[in-house]
């Protein structure tokens, strides 16, 4: 929507700015997703080694990671 609106203004500066904002948004989302994945992996490792779920992680959530798939 942002890029489409910039194209409708027929302004190169607006288009470049909109594309830059979209790219920065995707980079930010990728960094947040990567951080959350690392936190979950650390909690899962801790649960597997020590049997503790840790704060903020229900044990049932971590137990489901070890179910056999079939």
PDB file of N, CA and C in Angstrom:
ATOM      1  N   UNK A   1       0.836  -1.176   0.000  1.00  0.00           N
ATOM      2  CA  UNK A   1       0.000   0.000   0.000  1.00  0.00           C
ATOM      3  C   UNK A   1       0.886   1.248   0.000  1.00  0.00           C
ATOM      4  N   UNK A   2       1.938   1.214   0.812  1.00  0.00           N
ATOM      5  CA  UNK A   2       2.837   2.364   0.907  1.00  0.00           C
ATOM      6  C   UNK A   2       3.520   2.631  -0.427  1.00  0.00           C
ATOM      7  N   UNK A   3       4.024   1.595  -1.064  1.00  0.00           N
ATOM      8  CA  UNK A   3       4.702   1.755  -2.350  1.00  0.00           C
ATOM      9  C   UNK A   3       3.701   2.144  -3.426  1.00  0.00           C
ATOM     10  N   UNK A   4       2.516   1.556  -3.399  1.00  0.00           N
ATOM     11  CA  UNK A   4       1.478   1.921  -4.368  1.00  0.00           C
ATOM     12  C   UNK A   4       1.087   3.379  -4.251  1.00  0.00           C
ATOM     13  N   UNK A   5       0.955   3.850  -3.026  1.00  0.00           N
ATOM     14  CA  UNK A   5       0.652   5.261  -2.822  1.00  0.00           C
ATOM     15  C   UNK A   5       1.772   6.160  -3.312  1.00  0.00           C
ATOM     16  N   UNK A   6       3.004   5.738  -3.122  1.00  0.00           N
ATOM     17  CA  UNK A   6       4.142   6.524  -3.597  1.00  0.00           C
ATOM     18  C   UNK A   6       4.169   6.566  -5.123  1.00  0.00           C
ATOM     19  N   UNK A   7       3.844   5.453  -5.769  1.00  0.00           N
ATOM     20  CA  UNK A   7       3.798   5.439  -7.235  1.00  0.00           C
ATOM     21  C   UNK A   7       2.708   6.367  -7.769  1.00  0.00           C
ATOM     22  N   UNK A   8       1.629   6.458  -7.032  1.00  0.00           N
ATOM     23  CA  UNK A   8       0.530   7.300  -7.501  1.00  0.00           C
ATOM     24  C   UNK A   8       0.878   8.792  -7.440  1.00  0.00           C
ATOM     25  N   UNK A   9       1.877   9.154  -6.651  1.00  0.00           N
ATOM     26  CA  UNK A   9       2.289  10.567  -6.578  1.00  0.00           C
ATOM     27  C   UNK A   9       3.206  10.951  -7.728  1.00  0.00           C
ATOM     28  N   UNK A  10       3.725   9.967  -8.448  1.00  0.00           N
ATOM     29  CA  UNK A  10       4.652  10.190  -9.558  1.00  0.00           C
ATOM     30  C   UNK A  10       5.919  10.910  -9.100  1.00  0.00           C
ATOM     31  N   UNK A  11       6.326  10.642  -7.878  1.00  0.00           N
ATOM     32  CA  UNK A  11       7.522  11.257  -7.315  1.00  0.00           C
ATOM     33  C   UNK A  11       8.569  10.175  -7.070  1.00  0.00           C
ATOM     34  N   UNK A  12       9.726  10.323  -7.693  1.00  0.00           N
ATOM     35  CA  UNK A  12      10.808   9.349  -7.533  1.00  0.00           C
ATOM     36  C   UNK A  12      11.258   9.310  -6.070  1.00  0.00           C
ATOM     37  N   UNK A  13      11.343  10.464  -5.439  1.00  0.00           N
ATOM     38  CA  UNK A  13      11.790  10.517  -4.043  1.00  0.00           C
ATOM     39  C   UNK A  13      10.813   9.762  -3.136  1.00  0.00           C
ATOM     40  N   UNK A  14       9.529   9.909  -3.374  1.00  0.00           N
ATOM     41  CA  UNK A  14       8.534   9.211  -2.563  1.00  0.00           C
ATOM     42  C   UNK A  14       8.614   7.704  -2.780  1.00  0.00           C
ATOM     43  N   UNK A  15       8.831   7.278  -4.016  1.00  0.00           N
ATOM     44  CA  UNK A  15       8.933   5.849  -4.326  1.00  0.00           C
ATOM     45  C   UNK A  15      10.163   5.258  -3.654  1.00  0.00           C
ATOM     46  N   UNK A  16      11.310   5.938  -3.771  1.00  0.00           N
ATOM     47  CA  UNK A  16      12.545   5.438  -3.168  1.00  0.00           C
ATOM     48  C   UNK A  16      12.399   5.381  -1.643  1.00  0.00           C
ATOM     49  N   UNK A  17      11.806   6.412  -1.066  1.00  0.00           N
ATOM     50  CA  UNK A  17      11.595   6.435   0.382  1.00  0.00           C
ATOM     51  C   UNK A  17      10.665   5.303   0.816  1.00  0.00           C
ATOM     52  N   UNK A  18       9.591   5.090   0.095  1.00  0.00           N
ATOM     53  CA  UNK A  18       8.642   4.026   0.436  1.00  0.00           C
ATOM     54  C   UNK A  18       9.303   2.657   0.335  1.00  0.00           C
ATOM     55  N   UNK A  19      10.074   2.434  -0.715  1.00  0.00           N
ATOM     56  CA  UNK A  19      10.772   1.147  -0.862  1.00  0.00           C
ATOM     57  C   UNK A  19      11.771   0.964   0.269  1.00  0.00           C
ATOM     58  N   UNK A  20      12.475   2.030   0.635  1.00  0.00           N
ATOM     59  CA  UNK A  20      13.418   1.957   1.753  1.00  0.00           C
ATOM     60  C   UNK A  20      12.735   1.602   3.057  1.00  0.00           C
ATOM     61  N   UNK A  21      11.568   2.189   3.299  1.00  0.00           N
ATOM     62  CA  UNK A  21      10.823   1.890   4.522  1.00  0.00           C
ATOM     63  C   UNK A  21      10.360   0.434   4.523  1.00  0.00           C
ATOM     64  N   UNK A  22       9.907  -0.048   3.392  1.00  0.00           N
ATOM     65  CA  UNK A  22       9.460  -1.445   3.299  1.00  0.00           C
ATOM     66  C   UNK A  22      10.627  -2.401   3.535  1.00  0.00           C
ATOM     67  N   UNK A  23      11.772  -2.115   2.940  1.00  0.00           N
ATOM     68  CA  UNK A  23      12.947  -2.973   3.128  1.00  0.00           C
ATOM     69  C   UNK A  23      13.383  -2.969   4.590  1.00  0.00           C
ATOM     70  N   UNK A  24      13.425  -1.796   5.223  1.00  0.00           N
ATOM     71  CA  UNK A  24      13.782  -1.721   6.639  1.00  0.00           C
ATOM     72  C   UNK A  24      12.770  -2.470   7.509  1.00  0.00           C
ATOM     73  N   UNK A  25      11.509  -2.421   7.138  1.00  0.00           N
ATOM     74  CA  UNK A  25      10.491  -3.166   7.868  1.00  0.00           C
ATOM     75  C   UNK A  25      10.722  -4.664   7.786  1.00  0.00           C
ATOM     76  N   UNK A  26      11.038  -5.164   6.592  1.00  0.00           N
ATOM     77  CA  UNK A  26      11.310  -6.595   6.439  1.00  0.00           C
ATOM     78  C   UNK A  26      12.560  -7.006   7.206  1.00  0.00           C
ATOM     79  N   UNK A  27      13.586  -6.169   7.192  1.00  0.00           N
ATOM     80  CA  UNK A  27      14.808  -6.475   7.944  1.00  0.00           C
ATOM     81  C   UNK A  27      14.504  -6.520   9.440  1.00  0.00           C
ATOM     82  N   UNK A  28      13.722  -5.573   9.920  1.00  0.00           N
ATOM     83  CA  UNK A  28      13.350  -5.552  11.334  1.00  0.00           C
ATOM     84  C   UNK A  28      12.559  -6.801  11.712  1.00  0.00           C
ATOM     85  N   UNK A  29      11.604  -7.181  10.876  1.00  0.00           N
ATOM     86  CA  UNK A  29      10.827  -8.398  11.146  1.00  0.00           C
ATOM     87  C   UNK A  29      11.715  -9.641  11.162  1.00  0.00           C
ATOM     88  N   UNK A  30      12.684  -9.705  10.255  1.00  0.00           N
ATOM     89  CA  UNK A  30      13.590 -10.845  10.216  1.00  0.00           C
ATOM     90  C   UNK A  30      14.450 -10.911  11.479  1.00  0.00           C
ATOM     91  N   UNK A  31      14.912  -9.762  11.960  1.00  0.00           N
ATOM     92  CA  UNK A  31      15.715  -9.739  13.183  1.00  0.00           C
ATOM     93  C   UNK A  31      14.897 -10.149  14.401  1.00  0.00           C
ATOM     94  N   UNK A  32      13.668  -9.685  14.485  1.00  0.00           N
ATOM     95  CA  UNK A  32      12.806 -10.053  15.607  1.00  0.00           C
ATOM     96  C   UNK A  32      12.510 -11.548  15.572  1.00  0.00           C
ATOM     97  N   UNK A  33      12.202 -12.076  14.395  1.00  0.00           N
ATOM     98  CA  UNK A  33      11.898 -13.506  14.270  1.00  0.00           C
ATOM     99  C   UNK A  33      13.121 -14.348  14.643  1.00  0.00           C
ATOM    100  N   UNK A  34      14.288 -13.929  14.215  1.00  0.00           N
ATOM    101  CA  UNK A  34      15.507 -14.657  14.535  1.00  0.00           C
ATOM    102  C   UNK A  34      15.788 -14.629  16.032  1.00  0.00           C
ATOM    103  N   UNK A  35      15.565 -13.491  16.652  1.00  0.00           N
ATOM    104  CA  UNK A  35      15.771 -13.382  18.104  1.00  0.00           C
ATOM    105  C   UNK A  35      14.808 -14.281  18.867  1.00  0.00           C
ATOM    106  N   UNK A  36      13.540 -14.269  18.472  1.00  0.00           N
ATOM    107  CA  UNK A  36      12.556 -15.109  19.143  1.00  0.00           C
ATOM    108  C   UNK A  36      12.855 -16.597  18.952  1.00  0.00           C
ATOM    109  N   UNK A  37      13.342 -16.949  17.773  1.00  0.00           N
ATOM    110  CA  UNK A  37      13.693 -18.344  17.521  1.00  0.00           C
ATOM    111  C   UNK A  37      14.866 -18.768  18.413  1.00  0.00           C
ATOM    112  N   UNK A  38      15.835 -17.885  18.599  1.00  0.00           N
ATOM    113  CA  UNK A  38      16.965 -18.179  19.471  1.00  0.00           C
ATOM    114  C   UNK A  38      16.541 -18.331  20.924  1.00  0.00           C
ATOM    115  N   UNK A  39      15.627 -17.485  21.376  1.00  0.00           N
ATOM    116  CA  UNK A  39      15.125 -17.579  22.746  1.00  0.00           C
ATOM    117  C   UNK A  39      14.390 -18.900  22.948  1.00  0.00           C
ATOM    118  N   UNK A  40      13.561 -19.277  21.976  1.00  0.00           N
ATOM    119  CA  UNK A  40      12.830 -20.545  22.082  1.00  0.00           C
ATOM    120  C   UNK A  40      13.803 -21.729  22.065  1.00  0.00           C
ATOM    121  N   UNK A  41      14.819 -21.672  21.224  1.00  0.00           N
ATOM    122  CA  UNK A  41      15.801 -22.766  21.161  1.00  0.00           C
ATOM    123  C   UNK A  41      16.557 -22.887  22.484  1.00  0.00           C
ATOM    124  N   UNK A  42      16.909 -21.760  23.091  1.00  0.00           N
ATOM    125  CA  UNK A  42      17.604 -21.803  24.380  1.00  0.00           C
ATOM    126  C   UNK A  42      16.703 -22.376  25.468  1.00  0.00           C
ATOM    127  N   UNK A  43      15.433 -21.983  25.472  1.00  0.00           N
ATOM    128  CA  UNK A  43      14.493 -22.516  26.460  1.00  0.00           C
ATOM    129  C   UNK A  43      14.277 -24.006  26.249  1.00  0.00           C
ATOM    130  N   UNK A  44      14.199 -24.425  25.002  1.00  0.00           N
ATOM    131  CA  UNK A  44      14.014 -25.844  24.695  1.00  0.00           C
ATOM    132  C   UNK A  44      15.229 -26.657  25.125  1.00  0.00           C
ATOM    133  N   UNK A  45      16.420 -26.119  24.905  1.00  0.00           N
ATOM    134  CA  UNK A  45      17.654 -26.796  25.329  1.00  0.00           C
ATOM    135  C   UNK A  45      17.690 -26.922  26.849  1.00  0.00           C
ATOM    136  N   UNK A  46      17.327 -25.827  27.524  1.00  0.00           N
ATOM    137  CA  UNK A  46      17.319 -25.852  28.985  1.00  0.00           C
ATOM    138  C   UNK A  46      16.321 -26.886  29.502  1.00  0.00           C
ATOM    139  N   UNK A  47      15.166 -26.957  28.857  1.00  0.00           N
ATOM    140  CA  UNK A  47      14.159 -27.935  29.265  1.00  0.00           C
ATOM    141  C   UNK A  47      14.655 -29.361  29.025  1.00  0.00           C
ATOM    142  N   UNK A  48      15.328 -29.578  27.916  1.00  0.00           N
ATOM    143  CA  UNK A  48      15.824 -30.924  27.604  1.00  0.00           C
ATOM    144  C   UNK A  48      16.938 -31.344  28.561  1.00  0.00           C
ATOM    145  N   UNK A  49      17.772 -30.417  28.967  1.00  0.00           N
ATOM    146  CA  UNK A  49      18.898 -30.739  29.837  1.00  0.00           C
ATOM    147  C   UNK A  49      18.517 -30.807  31.311  1.00  0.00           C
ATOM    148  N   UNK A  50      17.738 -29.827  31.777  1.00  0.00           N
ATOM    149  CA  UNK A  50      17.473 -29.700  33.203  1.00  0.00           C
ATOM    150  C   UNK A  50      16.040 -30.038  33.605  1.00  0.00           C
ATOM    151  N   UNK A  51      15.129 -30.118  32.639  1.00  0.00           N
ATOM    152  CA  UNK A  51      13.741 -30.399  32.948  1.00  0.00           C
ATOM    153  C   UNK A  51      12.962 -29.187  33.431  1.00  0.00           C
ATOM    154  N   UNK A  52      13.568 -28.005  33.380  1.00  0.00           N
ATOM    155  CA  UNK A  52      12.897 -26.776  33.791  1.00  0.00           C
ATOM    156  C   UNK A  52      12.410 -26.036  32.560  1.00  0.00           C
ATOM    157  N   UNK A  53      11.192 -25.548  32.642  1.00  0.00           N
ATOM    158  CA  UNK A  53      10.643 -24.802  31.513  1.00  0.00           C
ATOM    159  C   UNK A  53      11.144 -23.368  31.505  1.00  0.00           C
ATOM    160  N   UNK A  54      11.434 -22.806  32.640  1.00  0.00           N
ATOM    161  CA  UNK A  54      11.859 -21.420  32.714  1.00  0.00           C
ATOM    162  C   UNK A  54      10.666 -20.481  32.732  1.00  0.00           C
ATOM    163  N   UNK A  55      10.950 -19.241  33.035  1.00  0.00           N
ATOM    164  CA  UNK A  55       9.882 -18.242  33.148  1.00  0.00           C
ATOM    165  C   UNK A  55       9.311 -17.919  31.767  1.00  0.00           C
ATOM    166  N   UNK A  56       8.008 -17.885  31.698  1.00  0.00           N
ATOM    167  CA  UNK A  56       7.355 -17.486  30.462  1.00  0.00           C
ATOM    168  C   UNK A  56       7.102 -18.617  29.478  1.00  0.00           C
ATOM    169  N   UNK A  57       7.552 -19.810  29.769  1.00  0.00           N
ATOM    170  CA  UNK A  57       7.338 -20.941  28.871  1.00  0.00           C
ATOM    171  C   UNK A  57       6.572 -22.029  29.606  1.00  0.00           C
ATOM    172  N   UNK A  58       5.349 -22.295  29.203  1.00  0.00           N
ATOM    173  CA  UNK A  58       4.614 -23.392  29.850  1.00  0.00           C
ATOM    174  C   UNK A  58       5.259 -24.733  29.499  1.00  0.00           C
ATOM    175  N   UNK A  59       5.394 -25.615  30.470  1.00  0.00           N
ATOM    176  CA  UNK A  59       6.026 -26.916  30.201  1.00  0.00           C
ATOM    177  C   UNK A  59       5.343 -27.693  29.079  1.00  0.00           C
ATOM    178  N   UNK A  60       4.032 -27.568  28.946  1.00  0.00           N
ATOM    179  CA  UNK A  60       3.313 -28.310  27.903  1.00  0.00           C
ATOM    180  C   UNK A  60       3.779 -27.896  26.505  1.00  0.00           C
ATOM    181  N   UNK A  61       4.111 -26.622  26.344  1.00  0.00           N
ATOM    182  CA  UNK A  61       4.599 -26.137  25.050  1.00  0.00           C
ATOM    183  C   UNK A  61       5.926 -26.803  24.684  1.00  0.00           C
ATOM    184  N   UNK A  62       6.813 -26.908  25.660  1.00  0.00           N
ATOM    185  CA  UNK A  62       8.120 -27.501  25.392  1.00  0.00           C
ATOM    186  C   UNK A  62       8.041 -29.015  25.278  1.00  0.00           C
ATOM    187  N   UNK A  63       7.099 -29.634  26.000  1.00  0.00           N
ATOM    188  CA  UNK A  63       6.934 -31.084  25.904  1.00  0.00           C
ATOM    189  C   UNK A  63       6.498 -31.495  24.506  1.00  0.00           C
ATOM    190  N   UNK A  64       5.661 -30.680  23.878  1.00  0.00           N
ATOM    191  CA  UNK A  64       5.180 -31.008  22.521  1.00  0.00           C
ATOM    192  C   UNK A  64       6.295 -31.015  21.490  1.00  0.00           C
ATOM    193  N   UNK A  65       7.412 -30.378  21.782  1.00  0.00           N
ATOM    194  CA  UNK A  65       8.517 -30.352  20.829  1.00  0.00           C
ATOM    195  C   UNK A  65       9.190 -31.715  20.732  1.00  0.00           C
ATOM    196  N   UNK A  66       8.977 -32.586  21.728  1.00  0.00           N
ATOM    197  CA  UNK A  66       9.647 -33.887  21.759  1.00  0.00           C
ATOM    198  C   UNK A  66       8.728 -35.046  21.424  1.00  0.00           C
ATOM    199  N   UNK A  67       7.520 -34.760  20.979  1.00  0.00           N
ATOM    200  CA  UNK A  67       6.603 -35.845  20.612  1.00  0.00           C
ATOM    201  C   UNK A  67       7.107 -36.528  19.348  1.00  0.00           C
ATOM    202  N   UNK A  68       6.840 -37.815  19.248  1.00  0.00           N
ATOM    203  CA  UNK A  68       7.167 -38.524  18.013  1.00  0.00           C
ATOM    204  C   UNK A  68       6.130 -38.167  16.969  1.00  0.00           C
ATOM    205  N   UNK A  69       6.605 -37.983  15.771  1.00  0.00           N
ATOM    206  CA  UNK A  69       5.715 -37.620  14.666  1.00  0.00           C
ATOM    207  C   UNK A  69       5.354 -38.879  13.894  1.00  0.00           C
ATOM    208  N   UNK A  70       4.129 -38.970  13.519  1.00  0.00           N
ATOM    209  CA  UNK A  70       3.768 -40.172  12.807  1.00  0.00           C
ATOM    210  C   UNK A  70       2.455 -40.151  12.160  1.00  0.00           C
TER     211      UNK A  70
END
